[in-house]
Amino acid sequence: MGDRKETVSLATEQDIDAAILRLINPEQRVLYFLTGHGERDTENQTDTSLTQVKAALQNKNYIVKLLNVGSEGKVPADAKVVIVAGPQRPLSTDEVAALQAYLDKGGALIVMEEPRQLTQFGDAPDPLADALAKWGITLEDDIIIDTNAPNPLLAYADPQNYGAHPISEKLRNLNPSSRLRVR
């Protein structure tokens, strides 16, 4: 494309598409995954990691980096978007303030939070959820269950019918009686 070219190592559709995207959009955009609160891992492949998401983003010409806003004190100027992917511990008010300052400058934020009972938040306040509420976004502690099961509140943790899986592992010992709202 003009004086630019891309070389692909394999002639797969995905590799060719990724090369074409890099030629059409030569500017590499930097995307940060927040770290420091037990977020989903983008570096080491496990059943719950986001390594495939990272690879897909890199194929679309994104530079994917990690950001510990608690130690950095701010979001880097090159950030096109910051992703908060399932923190297990709450962000501090200073970290949320740094994210707010980034958003005030036109930044973008993707937040994926687990229901509180599946995290290590305990009774600690969640400054990020409070900030999201100010922005008009309300997080609920919703869990999807199978209402066709004989006992729908236990269906998600029934290994005989659904098998053992990392997604439902944390749900096995959850007492749904008073903490879950069924709609």
N, C-alpha and C. Protein backbone atom coordinates (compact mmCIF):
# COMPACT_ATOMS: atom_id res chain seq x y z
N MET A 1 0.88 -1.17 0.00
CA MET A 1 0.00 0.00 0.00
C MET A 1 0.91 1.21 0.00
N GLY A 2 1.08 1.78 -1.18
CA GLY A 2 2.04 2.88 -1.30
C GLY A 2 3.42 2.36 -1.02
N ASP A 3 4.14 3.01 -0.10
CA ASP A 3 5.47 2.55 0.25
C ASP A 3 5.47 1.62 1.46
N ARG A 4 4.28 1.33 2.00
CA ARG A 4 4.17 0.45 3.17
C ARG A 4 3.85 -0.97 2.74
N LYS A 5 4.37 -1.93 3.48
CA LYS A 5 4.03 -3.32 3.22
C LYS A 5 3.99 -4.09 4.52
N GLU A 6 3.28 -5.18 4.52
CA GLU A 6 3.16 -6.07 5.67
C GLU A 6 3.51 -7.47 5.20
N THR A 7 4.25 -8.18 6.00
CA THR A 7 4.59 -9.56 5.69
C THR A 7 3.86 -10.46 6.68
N VAL A 8 3.21 -11.49 6.15
CA VAL A 8 2.53 -12.46 7.01
C VAL A 8 3.31 -13.77 6.95
N SER A 9 3.40 -14.43 8.09
CA SER A 9 4.16 -15.68 8.13
C SER A 9 3.34 -16.86 7.64
N LEU A 10 2.03 -16.80 7.85
CA LEU A 10 1.13 -17.84 7.37
C LEU A 10 0.05 -17.20 6.51
N ALA A 11 -0.43 -17.93 5.53
CA ALA A 11 -1.46 -17.37 4.64
C ALA A 11 -2.85 -17.75 5.14
N THR A 12 -3.08 -17.55 6.44
CA THR A 12 -4.42 -17.81 6.97
C THR A 12 -5.27 -16.55 6.77
N GLU A 13 -6.56 -16.74 6.74
CA GLU A 13 -7.46 -15.60 6.58
C GLU A 13 -7.24 -14.58 7.69
N GLN A 14 -7.07 -15.06 8.93
CA GLN A 14 -6.88 -14.16 10.07
C GLN A 14 -5.60 -13.34 9.92
N ASP A 15 -4.51 -13.98 9.51
CA ASP A 15 -3.24 -13.26 9.35
C ASP A 15 -3.30 -12.25 8.21
N ILE A 16 -3.94 -12.63 7.12
CA ILE A 16 -4.07 -11.71 5.97
C ILE A 16 -4.97 -10.53 6.35
N ASP A 17 -6.09 -10.81 7.04
CA ASP A 17 -6.98 -9.73 7.50
C ASP A 17 -6.24 -8.77 8.42
N ALA A 18 -5.46 -9.33 9.35
CA ALA A 18 -4.71 -8.49 10.30
C ALA A 18 -3.70 -7.61 9.56
N ALA A 19 -3.04 -8.16 8.55
CA ALA A 19 -2.07 -7.39 7.78
C ALA A 19 -2.76 -6.26 7.01
N ILE A 20 -3.91 -6.55 6.43
CA ILE A 20 -4.66 -5.51 5.71
C ILE A 20 -5.09 -4.41 6.66
N LEU A 21 -5.57 -4.79 7.86
CA LEU A 21 -5.97 -3.78 8.86
C LEU A 21 -4.79 -2.90 9.25
N ARG A 22 -3.61 -3.49 9.41
CA ARG A 22 -2.44 -2.70 9.77
C ARG A 22 -2.06 -1.74 8.64
N LEU A 23 -2.26 -2.15 7.40
CA LEU A 23 -1.96 -1.27 6.27
C LEU A 23 -2.97 -0.13 6.17
N ILE A 24 -4.24 -0.44 6.38
CA ILE A 24 -5.29 0.57 6.30
C ILE A 24 -5.18 1.56 7.45
N ASN A 25 -4.88 1.04 8.65
CA ASN A 25 -4.77 1.87 9.86
C ASN A 25 -3.35 1.76 10.40
N PRO A 26 -2.40 2.49 9.83
CA PRO A 26 -1.01 2.33 10.25
C PRO A 26 -0.71 2.82 11.67
N GLU A 27 -1.56 3.71 12.18
CA GLU A 27 -1.33 4.21 13.54
C GLU A 27 -1.63 3.12 14.55
N GLN A 28 -0.65 2.81 15.36
CA GLN A 28 -0.89 1.82 16.41
C GLN A 28 -1.49 2.53 17.62
N ARG A 29 -2.59 1.99 18.07
CA ARG A 29 -3.27 2.56 19.23
C ARG A 29 -2.91 1.73 20.46
N VAL A 30 -2.68 2.42 21.57
CA VAL A 30 -2.26 1.75 22.80
C VAL A 30 -3.46 1.54 23.70
N LEU A 31 -3.60 0.33 24.15
CA LEU A 31 -4.70 -0.08 25.02
C LEU A 31 -4.07 -0.63 26.30
N TYR A 32 -4.58 -0.21 27.45
CA TYR A 32 -4.03 -0.66 28.73
C TYR A 32 -5.04 -1.52 29.48
N PHE A 33 -4.57 -2.63 30.02
CA PHE A 33 -5.34 -3.43 30.96
C PHE A 33 -4.87 -3.06 32.36
N LEU A 34 -5.81 -2.67 33.21
CA LEU A 34 -5.48 -2.31 34.58
C LEU A 34 -5.02 -3.53 35.36
N THR A 35 -4.02 -3.36 36.22
CA THR A 35 -3.52 -4.43 37.08
C THR A 35 -3.43 -3.94 38.51
N GLY A 36 -3.18 -4.87 39.42
CA GLY A 36 -2.96 -4.51 40.81
C GLY A 36 -4.13 -4.82 41.73
N HIS A 37 -5.21 -5.36 41.18
CA HIS A 37 -6.40 -5.64 41.98
C HIS A 37 -6.92 -7.04 41.72
N GLY A 38 -6.07 -7.91 41.18
CA GLY A 38 -6.47 -9.28 40.87
C GLY A 38 -7.29 -9.40 39.60
N GLU A 39 -7.09 -8.47 38.64
CA GLU A 39 -7.84 -8.50 37.38
C GLU A 39 -7.49 -9.75 36.57
N ARG A 40 -8.28 -9.99 35.54
CA ARG A 40 -8.04 -11.12 34.63
C ARG A 40 -6.66 -10.97 34.01
N ASP A 41 -5.96 -12.08 33.89
CA ASP A 41 -4.59 -12.11 33.38
C ASP A 41 -4.58 -12.05 31.85
N THR A 42 -3.73 -11.21 31.30
CA THR A 42 -3.58 -11.14 29.85
C THR A 42 -2.25 -11.74 29.40
N GLU A 43 -1.42 -12.14 30.34
CA GLU A 43 -0.08 -12.62 30.01
C GLU A 43 0.04 -14.14 30.05
N ASN A 44 -0.62 -14.80 30.97
CA ASN A 44 -0.49 -16.24 31.17
C ASN A 44 -1.82 -16.92 30.89
N GLN A 45 -1.81 -17.90 30.03
CA GLN A 45 -3.06 -18.54 29.64
C GLN A 45 -3.57 -19.49 30.72
N THR A 46 -4.79 -19.20 31.18
CA THR A 46 -5.52 -20.07 32.10
C THR A 46 -6.95 -20.12 31.59
N ASP A 47 -7.80 -20.86 32.31
CA ASP A 47 -9.20 -20.97 31.89
C ASP A 47 -9.95 -19.65 31.98
N THR A 48 -9.46 -18.72 32.80
CA THR A 48 -10.17 -17.45 32.98
C THR A 48 -9.37 -16.25 32.49
N SER A 49 -8.26 -16.49 31.81
CA SER A 49 -7.42 -15.37 31.36
C SER A 49 -7.98 -14.74 30.10
N LEU A 50 -7.40 -13.60 29.76
CA LEU A 50 -7.80 -12.86 28.56
C LEU A 50 -6.68 -12.84 27.52
N THR A 51 -5.89 -13.90 27.47
CA THR A 51 -4.78 -13.94 26.52
C THR A 51 -5.28 -13.96 25.08
N GLN A 52 -6.40 -14.62 24.81
CA GLN A 52 -6.92 -14.64 23.45
C GLN A 52 -7.49 -13.27 23.06
N VAL A 53 -8.05 -12.57 24.02
CA VAL A 53 -8.54 -11.21 23.75
C VAL A 53 -7.35 -10.32 23.41
N LYS A 54 -6.28 -10.46 24.18
CA LYS A 54 -5.07 -9.67 23.91
C LYS A 54 -4.54 -9.96 22.51
N ALA A 55 -4.47 -11.24 22.14
CA ALA A 55 -3.98 -11.61 20.81
C ALA A 55 -4.88 -11.04 19.71
N ALA A 56 -6.18 -11.09 19.90
CA ALA A 56 -7.11 -10.55 18.90
C ALA A 56 -6.93 -9.04 18.76
N LEU A 57 -6.73 -8.35 19.87
CA LEU A 57 -6.51 -6.90 19.82
C LEU A 57 -5.19 -6.57 19.11
N GLN A 58 -4.16 -7.35 19.38
CA GLN A 58 -2.88 -7.12 18.72
C GLN A 58 -3.00 -7.37 17.22
N ASN A 59 -3.82 -8.35 16.84
CA ASN A 59 -4.04 -8.59 15.41
C ASN A 59 -4.76 -7.43 14.74
N LYS A 60 -5.47 -6.63 15.52
CA LYS A 60 -6.18 -5.46 14.98
C LYS A 60 -5.34 -4.19 15.13
N ASN A 61 -4.03 -4.36 15.34
CA ASN A 61 -3.07 -3.27 15.37
C ASN A 61 -3.09 -2.46 16.67
N TYR A 62 -3.56 -3.06 17.76
CA TYR A 62 -3.47 -2.40 19.06
C TYR A 62 -2.18 -2.85 19.74
N ILE A 63 -1.57 -1.93 20.45
CA ILE A 63 -0.47 -2.28 21.35
C ILE A 63 -1.12 -2.47 22.71
N VAL A 64 -0.96 -3.64 23.28
CA VAL A 64 -1.60 -3.96 24.55
C VAL A 64 -0.55 -3.91 25.65
N LYS A 65 -0.82 -3.08 26.66
CA LYS A 65 0.10 -2.93 27.79
C LYS A 65 -0.66 -3.10 29.10
N LEU A 66 0.11 -3.27 30.16
CA LEU A 66 -0.46 -3.35 31.51
C LEU A 66 -0.25 -2.02 32.21
N LEU A 67 -1.19 -1.67 33.07
CA LEU A 67 -1.11 -0.40 33.80
C LEU A 67 -1.49 -0.62 35.25
N ASN A 68 -0.58 -0.28 36.14
CA ASN A 68 -0.89 -0.24 37.57
C ASN A 68 -1.02 1.23 37.92
N VAL A 69 -2.25 1.74 37.84
CA VAL A 69 -2.47 3.17 38.04
C VAL A 69 -2.16 3.59 39.48
N GLY A 70 -2.18 2.64 40.41
CA GLY A 70 -1.82 2.94 41.80
C GLY A 70 -0.36 3.34 41.93
N SER A 71 0.52 2.66 41.21
CA SER A 71 1.94 3.01 41.29
C SER A 71 2.31 4.10 40.29
N GLU A 72 1.63 4.16 39.15
CA GLU A 72 1.91 5.19 38.15
C GLU A 72 1.34 6.54 38.55
N GLY A 73 0.19 6.52 39.23
CA GLY A 73 -0.45 7.77 39.65
C GLY A 73 -1.31 8.44 38.60
N LYS A 74 -1.22 7.95 37.36
CA LYS A 74 -2.01 8.53 36.27
C LYS A 74 -2.05 7.54 35.12
N VAL A 75 -2.94 7.81 34.18
CA VAL A 75 -3.03 7.01 32.97
C VAL A 75 -2.08 7.65 31.95
N PRO A 76 -1.23 6.85 31.30
CA PRO A 76 -0.29 7.42 30.32
C PRO A 76 -1.02 8.16 29.20
N ALA A 77 -0.37 9.18 28.68
CA ALA A 77 -0.97 10.04 27.64
C ALA A 77 -1.26 9.28 26.35
N ASP A 78 -0.55 8.18 26.08
CA ASP A 78 -0.77 7.45 24.83
C ASP A 78 -1.95 6.48 24.88
N ALA A 79 -2.63 6.39 26.01
CA ALA A 79 -3.74 5.44 26.17
C ALA A 79 -4.95 5.85 25.34
N LYS A 80 -5.39 4.96 24.46
CA LYS A 80 -6.65 5.17 23.73
C LYS A 80 -7.82 4.64 24.55
N VAL A 81 -7.57 3.59 25.32
CA VAL A 81 -8.61 3.00 26.17
C VAL A 81 -7.93 2.27 27.33
N VAL A 82 -8.62 2.26 28.47
CA VAL A 82 -8.19 1.49 29.64
C VAL A 82 -9.28 0.47 29.93
N ILE A 83 -8.86 -0.78 30.15
CA ILE A 83 -9.81 -1.85 30.45
C ILE A 83 -9.60 -2.31 31.88
N VAL A 84 -10.68 -2.30 32.65
CA VAL A 84 -10.68 -2.82 34.01
C VAL A 84 -11.41 -4.16 33.92
N ALA A 85 -10.65 -5.26 33.95
CA ALA A 85 -11.20 -6.58 33.65
C ALA A 85 -11.33 -7.44 34.90
N GLY A 86 -12.43 -7.26 35.62
CA GLY A 86 -12.76 -8.13 36.74
C GLY A 86 -11.88 -8.01 37.95
N PRO A 87 -11.73 -6.81 38.52
CA PRO A 87 -10.90 -6.69 39.72
C PRO A 87 -11.46 -7.52 40.87
N GLN A 88 -10.57 -8.15 41.62
CA GLN A 88 -10.99 -8.94 42.77
C GLN A 88 -10.95 -8.12 44.06
N ARG A 89 -10.23 -7.01 44.03
CA ARG A 89 -10.16 -6.09 45.16
C ARG A 89 -10.52 -4.69 44.66
N PRO A 90 -11.12 -3.87 45.48
CA PRO A 90 -11.54 -2.54 45.01
C PRO A 90 -10.37 -1.63 44.66
N LEU A 91 -10.59 -0.75 43.71
CA LEU A 91 -9.63 0.29 43.39
C LEU A 91 -9.69 1.33 44.50
N SER A 92 -8.62 2.05 44.70
CA SER A 92 -8.60 3.12 45.69
C SER A 92 -9.27 4.37 45.11
N THR A 93 -9.60 5.29 45.99
CA THR A 93 -10.19 6.55 45.51
C THR A 93 -9.19 7.33 44.66
N ASP A 94 -7.89 7.24 44.97
CA ASP A 94 -6.87 7.91 44.16
C ASP A 94 -6.79 7.32 42.76
N GLU A 95 -6.91 5.99 42.67
CA GLU A 95 -6.88 5.34 41.37
C GLU A 95 -8.10 5.73 40.53
N VAL A 96 -9.26 5.78 41.18
CA VAL A 96 -10.47 6.19 40.47
C VAL A 96 -10.35 7.65 40.03
N ALA A 97 -9.75 8.49 40.87
CA ALA A 97 -9.54 9.89 40.50
C ALA A 97 -8.63 9.99 39.27
N ALA A 98 -7.60 9.13 39.19
CA ALA A 98 -6.70 9.14 38.03
C ALA A 98 -7.47 8.70 36.77
N LEU A 99 -8.35 7.72 36.91
CA LEU A 99 -9.17 7.31 35.77
C LEU A 99 -10.12 8.42 35.37
N GLN A 100 -10.68 9.13 36.35
CA GLN A 100 -11.59 10.23 36.07
C GLN A 100 -10.86 11.35 35.32
N ALA A 101 -9.64 11.66 35.74
CA ALA A 101 -8.86 12.69 35.05
C ALA A 101 -8.58 12.28 33.61
N TYR A 102 -8.30 11.01 33.40
CA TYR A 102 -8.08 10.48 32.05
C TYR A 102 -9.34 10.61 31.20
N LEU A 103 -10.50 10.27 31.77
CA LEU A 103 -11.76 10.39 31.06
C LEU A 103 -12.10 11.85 30.75
N ASP A 104 -11.79 12.74 31.68
CA ASP A 104 -12.04 14.17 31.47
C ASP A 104 -11.26 14.73 30.28
N LYS A 105 -10.15 14.07 29.94
CA LYS A 105 -9.34 14.49 28.79
C LYS A 105 -9.76 13.78 27.51
N GLY A 106 -10.89 13.05 27.56
CA GLY A 106 -11.39 12.38 26.36
C GLY A 106 -11.03 10.91 26.27
N GLY A 107 -10.51 10.33 27.34
CA GLY A 107 -10.15 8.91 27.33
C GLY A 107 -11.37 8.01 27.31
N ALA A 108 -11.13 6.73 27.09
CA ALA A 108 -12.20 5.74 27.05
C ALA A 108 -11.91 4.66 28.09
N LEU A 109 -12.96 4.12 28.66
CA LEU A 109 -12.83 3.14 29.74
C LEU A 109 -13.81 2.00 29.51
N ILE A 110 -13.32 0.77 29.66
CA ILE A 110 -14.18 -0.41 29.64
C ILE A 110 -14.07 -1.04 31.01
N VAL A 111 -15.22 -1.25 31.66
CA VAL A 111 -15.23 -1.83 33.01
C VAL A 111 -16.02 -3.13 32.98
N MET A 112 -15.39 -4.19 33.48
CA MET A 112 -16.04 -5.49 33.62
C MET A 112 -15.86 -5.92 35.07
N GLU A 113 -16.90 -5.79 35.88
CA GLU A 113 -16.81 -6.18 37.28
C GLU A 113 -17.61 -7.43 37.53
N GLU A 114 -17.09 -8.26 38.42
CA GLU A 114 -17.78 -9.46 38.86
C GLU A 114 -18.84 -9.07 39.89
N PRO A 115 -19.88 -9.89 40.07
CA PRO A 115 -20.77 -9.64 41.20
C PRO A 115 -19.95 -9.64 42.50
N ARG A 116 -20.26 -8.76 43.39
CA ARG A 116 -19.48 -8.56 44.62
C ARG A 116 -19.22 -9.86 45.37
N GLN A 117 -20.21 -10.74 45.42
CA GLN A 117 -20.03 -11.97 46.20
C GLN A 117 -19.02 -12.93 45.57
N LEU A 118 -18.58 -12.66 44.36
CA LEU A 118 -17.57 -13.49 43.70
C LEU A 118 -16.18 -12.86 43.76
N THR A 119 -16.05 -11.77 44.50
CA THR A 119 -14.77 -11.07 44.61
C THR A 119 -14.28 -11.12 46.05
N GLN A 120 -13.20 -10.43 46.30
CA GLN A 120 -12.66 -10.30 47.66
C GLN A 120 -12.98 -8.91 48.23
N PHE A 121 -13.99 -8.25 47.69
CA PHE A 121 -14.35 -6.91 48.15
C PHE A 121 -14.86 -6.93 49.59
N GLY A 122 -15.57 -7.99 49.96
CA GLY A 122 -16.18 -8.04 51.28
C GLY A 122 -17.13 -6.86 51.45
N ASP A 123 -17.04 -6.18 52.58
CA ASP A 123 -17.89 -5.02 52.84
C ASP A 123 -17.20 -3.71 52.47
N ALA A 124 -16.02 -3.79 51.87
CA ALA A 124 -15.28 -2.58 51.52
C ALA A 124 -16.05 -1.78 50.47
N PRO A 125 -16.00 -0.47 50.54
CA PRO A 125 -16.65 0.34 49.52
C PRO A 125 -15.96 0.14 48.16
N ASP A 126 -16.70 0.38 47.10
CA ASP A 126 -16.17 0.24 45.75
C ASP A 126 -16.19 1.62 45.08
N PRO A 127 -15.09 2.38 45.19
CA PRO A 127 -15.05 3.71 44.59
C PRO A 127 -15.31 3.72 43.09
N LEU A 128 -14.94 2.65 42.40
CA LEU A 128 -15.18 2.60 40.96
C LEU A 128 -16.67 2.51 40.68
N ALA A 129 -17.39 1.66 41.42
CA ALA A 129 -18.84 1.56 41.23
C ALA A 129 -19.52 2.89 41.56
N ASP A 130 -19.01 3.57 42.59
CA ASP A 130 -19.56 4.89 42.94
C ASP A 130 -19.34 5.88 41.80
N ALA A 131 -18.15 5.86 41.20
CA ALA A 131 -17.86 6.76 40.08
C ALA A 131 -18.73 6.40 38.88
N LEU A 132 -18.89 5.12 38.62
CA LEU A 132 -19.74 4.70 37.51
C LEU A 132 -21.16 5.18 37.71
N ALA A 133 -21.64 5.13 38.94
CA ALA A 133 -23.00 5.60 39.23
C ALA A 133 -23.12 7.10 38.92
N LYS A 134 -22.08 7.87 39.22
CA LYS A 134 -22.09 9.30 38.89
C LYS A 134 -22.12 9.52 37.38
N TRP A 135 -21.58 8.57 36.64
CA TRP A 135 -21.56 8.66 35.18
C TRP A 135 -22.82 8.07 34.57
N GLY A 136 -23.76 7.63 35.42
CA GLY A 136 -25.03 7.09 34.93
C GLY A 136 -25.03 5.59 34.69
N ILE A 137 -24.02 4.89 35.21
CA ILE A 137 -23.92 3.44 35.02
C ILE A 137 -24.08 2.77 36.38
N THR A 138 -25.04 1.88 36.48
CA THR A 138 -25.28 1.17 37.74
C THR A 138 -24.93 -0.30 37.56
N LEU A 139 -24.06 -0.80 38.43
CA LEU A 139 -23.70 -2.21 38.41
C LEU A 139 -24.61 -2.97 39.37
N GLU A 140 -25.09 -4.10 38.92
CA GLU A 140 -25.92 -4.96 39.76
C GLU A 140 -25.12 -6.22 40.09
N ASP A 141 -25.49 -6.89 41.16
CA ASP A 141 -24.85 -8.15 41.53
C ASP A 141 -25.63 -9.31 40.92
N ASP A 142 -25.78 -9.27 39.61
CA ASP A 142 -26.58 -10.27 38.92
C ASP A 142 -25.75 -11.50 38.57
N ILE A 143 -26.41 -12.64 38.64
CA ILE A 143 -25.82 -13.90 38.20
C ILE A 143 -26.87 -14.59 37.35
N ILE A 144 -26.45 -15.12 36.21
CA ILE A 144 -27.39 -15.81 35.33
C ILE A 144 -27.56 -17.24 35.84
N ILE A 145 -28.80 -17.64 35.98
CA ILE A 145 -29.10 -19.00 36.44
C ILE A 145 -30.05 -19.67 35.46
N ASP A 146 -30.17 -20.99 35.59
CA ASP A 146 -31.04 -21.77 34.72
C ASP A 146 -32.40 -21.92 35.39
N THR A 147 -33.38 -21.16 34.93
CA THR A 147 -34.71 -21.21 35.56
C THR A 147 -35.47 -22.47 35.17
N ASN A 148 -34.96 -23.26 34.23
CA ASN A 148 -35.61 -24.52 33.87
C ASN A 148 -35.15 -25.68 34.74
N ALA A 149 -34.16 -25.44 35.59
CA ALA A 149 -33.65 -26.49 36.47
C ALA A 149 -34.63 -26.71 37.62
N PRO A 150 -34.65 -27.93 38.20
CA PRO A 150 -35.56 -28.19 39.32
C PRO A 150 -35.35 -27.24 40.48
N ASN A 151 -34.10 -26.88 40.77
CA ASN A 151 -33.80 -25.91 41.82
C ASN A 151 -32.91 -24.84 41.19
N PRO A 152 -33.53 -23.81 40.60
CA PRO A 152 -32.75 -22.85 39.80
C PRO A 152 -31.67 -22.11 40.56
N LEU A 153 -31.80 -21.94 41.87
CA LEU A 153 -30.76 -21.22 42.61
C LEU A 153 -29.52 -22.08 42.82
N LEU A 154 -29.61 -23.37 42.60
CA LEU A 154 -28.45 -24.23 42.75
C LEU A 154 -27.93 -24.75 41.41
N ALA A 155 -28.62 -24.44 40.32
CA ALA A 155 -28.26 -24.98 39.02
C ALA A 155 -26.85 -24.61 38.59
N TYR A 156 -26.42 -23.41 38.90
CA TYR A 156 -25.10 -22.98 38.45
C TYR A 156 -23.98 -23.73 39.11
N ALA A 157 -24.21 -24.38 40.22
CA ALA A 157 -23.14 -25.06 40.94
C ALA A 157 -23.32 -26.58 40.93
N ASP A 158 -24.14 -27.12 40.06
CA ASP A 158 -24.43 -28.54 40.01
C ASP A 158 -23.50 -29.23 39.03
N PRO A 159 -22.40 -29.85 39.52
CA PRO A 159 -21.44 -30.46 38.61
C PRO A 159 -21.99 -31.68 37.89
N GLN A 160 -23.02 -32.32 38.43
CA GLN A 160 -23.58 -33.49 37.76
C GLN A 160 -24.28 -33.09 36.46
N ASN A 161 -24.98 -31.99 36.46
CA ASN A 161 -25.70 -31.55 35.28
C ASN A 161 -24.88 -30.63 34.38
N TYR A 162 -23.98 -29.86 34.97
CA TYR A 162 -23.27 -28.85 34.19
C TYR A 162 -21.76 -29.06 34.13
N GLY A 163 -21.24 -29.97 34.90
CA GLY A 163 -19.81 -30.23 34.90
C GLY A 163 -19.03 -29.18 35.67
N ALA A 164 -17.82 -29.52 36.04
CA ALA A 164 -16.96 -28.57 36.75
C ALA A 164 -16.34 -27.63 35.72
N HIS A 165 -16.31 -26.35 36.04
CA HIS A 165 -15.73 -25.36 35.13
C HIS A 165 -15.25 -24.17 35.94
N PRO A 166 -14.13 -23.56 35.55
CA PRO A 166 -13.60 -22.40 36.29
C PRO A 166 -14.59 -21.24 36.39
N ILE A 167 -15.47 -21.10 35.40
CA ILE A 167 -16.42 -19.99 35.45
C ILE A 167 -17.37 -20.14 36.64
N SER A 168 -17.80 -21.37 36.91
CA SER A 168 -18.77 -21.57 37.99
C SER A 168 -18.13 -22.02 39.29
N GLU A 169 -16.82 -22.20 39.31
CA GLU A 169 -16.14 -22.70 40.50
C GLU A 169 -16.40 -21.84 41.74
N LYS A 170 -16.32 -20.53 41.61
CA LYS A 170 -16.53 -19.64 42.76
C LYS A 170 -17.97 -19.65 43.24
N LEU A 171 -18.88 -20.10 42.40
CA LEU A 171 -20.30 -20.09 42.76
C LEU A 171 -20.70 -21.29 43.61
N ARG A 172 -19.88 -22.31 43.69
CA ARG A 172 -20.26 -23.55 44.36
C ARG A 172 -20.65 -23.35 45.83
N ASN A 173 -19.96 -22.53 46.56
CA ASN A 173 -20.23 -22.36 47.98
C ASN A 173 -21.02 -21.10 48.29
N LEU A 174 -21.55 -20.47 47.29
CA LEU A 174 -22.30 -19.24 47.47
C LEU A 174 -23.69 -19.56 47.99
N ASN A 175 -24.09 -18.90 49.06
CA ASN A 175 -25.43 -19.08 49.59
C ASN A 175 -26.31 -18.02 48.95
N PRO A 176 -27.16 -18.43 48.01
CA PRO A 176 -27.93 -17.44 47.26
C PRO A 176 -29.15 -16.90 48.00
N SER A 177 -29.49 -17.46 49.13
CA SER A 177 -30.76 -17.15 49.76
C SER A 177 -30.97 -15.66 50.02
N SER A 178 -29.98 -14.97 50.50
CA SER A 178 -30.21 -13.57 50.86
C SER A 178 -29.42 -12.58 50.01
N ARG A 179 -28.48 -13.07 49.21
CA ARG A 179 -27.62 -12.14 48.51
C ARG A 179 -27.91 -12.01 47.02
N LEU A 180 -28.66 -12.91 46.45
CA LEU A 180 -28.91 -12.84 45.03
C LEU A 180 -30.34 -12.38 44.77
N ARG A 181 -30.47 -11.56 43.78
CA ARG A 181 -31.79 -11.10 43.37
C ARG A 181 -32.13 -11.80 42.06
N VAL A 182 -33.25 -12.48 42.05
CA VAL A 182 -33.68 -13.19 40.85
C VAL A 182 -34.74 -12.36 40.17
N ARG A 183 -34.57 -12.13 38.89
CA ARG A 183 -35.54 -11.34 38.16
C ARG A 183 -36.34 -12.21 37.24
